């Protein structure tokens, strides 16, 4: 698996990311590690404006869930970053991580 997007915060080990299969470029899973209590993450993916994936995770938690549908990443060369794989234009996303300590 390869990551297409990822979000971290300054708490070590906290990360939420979306994976794709590096061979067939299919978007496969959402994965997270929230190593302690008091951390909540929200992951949402829309397909052409319709909510396709919506998950709220409360730490401590570490798991993986499949992304519904059959979507493939696209190669992007925007001149800002090195050429990289990203979600296609019809998929938009948001990841939020909140801490309450």
Protein backbone atom coordinates (compact mmCIF):
# COMPACT_ATOMS: atom_id res chain seq x y z
CA UNK A 1 0.00 0.00 0.00
CA UNK A 2 1.05 3.56 -0.66
CA UNK A 3 -0.30 6.77 0.90
CA UNK A 4 -2.02 9.31 -1.30
CA UNK A 5 -2.78 11.77 1.50
CA UNK A 6 -2.00 11.98 5.18
CA UNK A 7 -2.61 14.22 8.17
CA UNK A 8 -0.57 14.31 11.37
CA UNK A 9 -0.37 16.57 14.39
CA UNK A 10 2.46 17.21 16.83
CA UNK A 11 1.52 14.34 19.11
CA UNK A 12 3.88 11.46 18.23
CA UNK A 13 2.20 8.58 16.44
CA UNK A 14 -1.02 10.40 15.51
CA UNK A 15 -1.82 10.01 11.82
CA UNK A 16 -4.81 9.52 9.53
CA UNK A 17 -4.23 8.61 5.88
CA UNK A 18 -5.70 7.21 2.66
CA UNK A 19 -3.96 4.32 0.90
CA UNK A 20 -3.91 3.15 -2.68
CA UNK A 21 -2.61 -0.01 -4.33
CA UNK A 22 0.69 0.90 -6.02
CA UNK A 23 0.20 -1.75 -8.73
CA UNK A 24 -3.32 -1.00 -9.98
CA UNK A 25 -3.57 2.54 -8.47
CA UNK A 26 -6.93 1.75 -6.84
CA UNK A 27 -7.91 3.77 -3.74
CA UNK A 28 -8.21 1.06 -1.10
CA UNK A 29 -8.41 2.10 2.54
CA UNK A 30 -8.50 4.79 5.19
CA UNK A 31 -6.11 4.03 8.04
CA UNK A 32 -5.48 5.70 11.40
CA UNK A 33 -3.38 5.58 14.54
CA UNK A 34 -4.58 7.60 17.51
CA UNK A 35 -2.40 6.27 20.34
CA UNK A 36 -4.09 7.90 23.32
CA UNK A 37 -7.46 8.97 24.66
CA UNK A 38 -8.54 12.56 24.16
CA UNK A 39 -7.90 12.47 20.40
CA UNK A 40 -10.75 12.39 17.90
CA UNK A 41 -10.47 12.31 14.11
CA UNK A 42 -13.08 12.76 11.41
CA UNK A 43 -12.56 11.49 7.88
CA UNK A 44 -14.96 12.30 5.05
CA UNK A 45 -14.70 11.55 1.33
CA UNK A 46 -17.19 12.85 -1.22
CA UNK A 47 -17.74 11.41 -4.69
CA UNK A 48 -19.03 14.12 -7.06
CA UNK A 49 -20.53 15.97 -4.08
CA UNK A 50 -22.22 12.96 -2.46
CA UNK A 51 -20.83 11.73 0.84
CA UNK A 52 -19.20 8.35 0.12
CA UNK A 53 -17.25 7.76 3.35
CA UNK A 54 -17.78 9.25 6.81
CA UNK A 55 -15.96 8.01 9.91
CA UNK A 56 -15.40 9.41 13.39
CA UNK A 57 -12.60 7.77 15.40
CA UNK A 58 -11.93 8.24 19.11
CA UNK A 59 -8.50 7.33 20.48
CA UNK A 60 -6.89 5.19 21.49
CA UNK A 61 -7.47 3.40 18.19
CA UNK A 62 -5.54 1.94 15.31
CA UNK A 63 -7.40 0.38 12.39
CA UNK A 64 -8.11 0.29 8.66
CA UNK A 65 -11.38 0.48 6.73
CA UNK A 66 -12.10 -0.04 3.04
CA UNK A 67 -13.06 2.94 0.90
CA UNK A 68 -16.27 2.10 -0.97
CA UNK A 69 -16.37 2.29 -4.76
CA UNK A 70 -13.82 1.71 -7.46
CA UNK A 71 -11.60 4.79 -7.69
CA UNK A 72 -8.06 5.15 -8.97
CA UNK A 73 -5.49 7.78 -8.13
CA UNK A 74 -4.13 10.04 -10.86
CA UNK A 75 -0.58 11.24 -11.48
CA UNK A 76 -0.33 14.97 -10.75
CA UNK A 77 2.54 17.19 -11.87
CA UNK A 78 1.59 20.65 -10.64
CA UNK A 79 5.07 22.12 -10.66
CA UNK A 80 4.92 22.66 -6.89
CA UNK A 81 5.57 19.14 -5.59
CA UNK A 82 7.37 16.35 -7.36
CA UNK A 83 5.00 14.36 -9.57
CA UNK A 84 2.76 12.43 -7.17
CA UNK A 85 -0.43 10.38 -7.08
CA UNK A 86 -3.55 12.10 -5.81
CA UNK A 87 -7.26 11.44 -5.65
CA UNK A 88 -9.15 12.06 -8.92
CA UNK A 89 -11.08 15.33 -9.29
CA UNK A 90 -14.44 13.72 -8.51
CA UNK A 91 -13.22 12.74 -5.01
CA UNK A 92 -12.82 15.45 -2.41
CA UNK A 93 -11.90 14.89 1.20
CA UNK A 94 -11.46 16.35 4.63
CA UNK A 95 -9.57 15.04 7.65
CA UNK A 96 -9.87 16.78 11.02
CA UNK A 97 -8.01 15.82 14.19
CA UNK A 98 -8.94 17.31 17.54
CA UNK A 99 -7.37 16.90 20.95
CA UNK A 100 -9.03 17.34 24.31
CA UNK A 101 -6.45 16.94 27.04
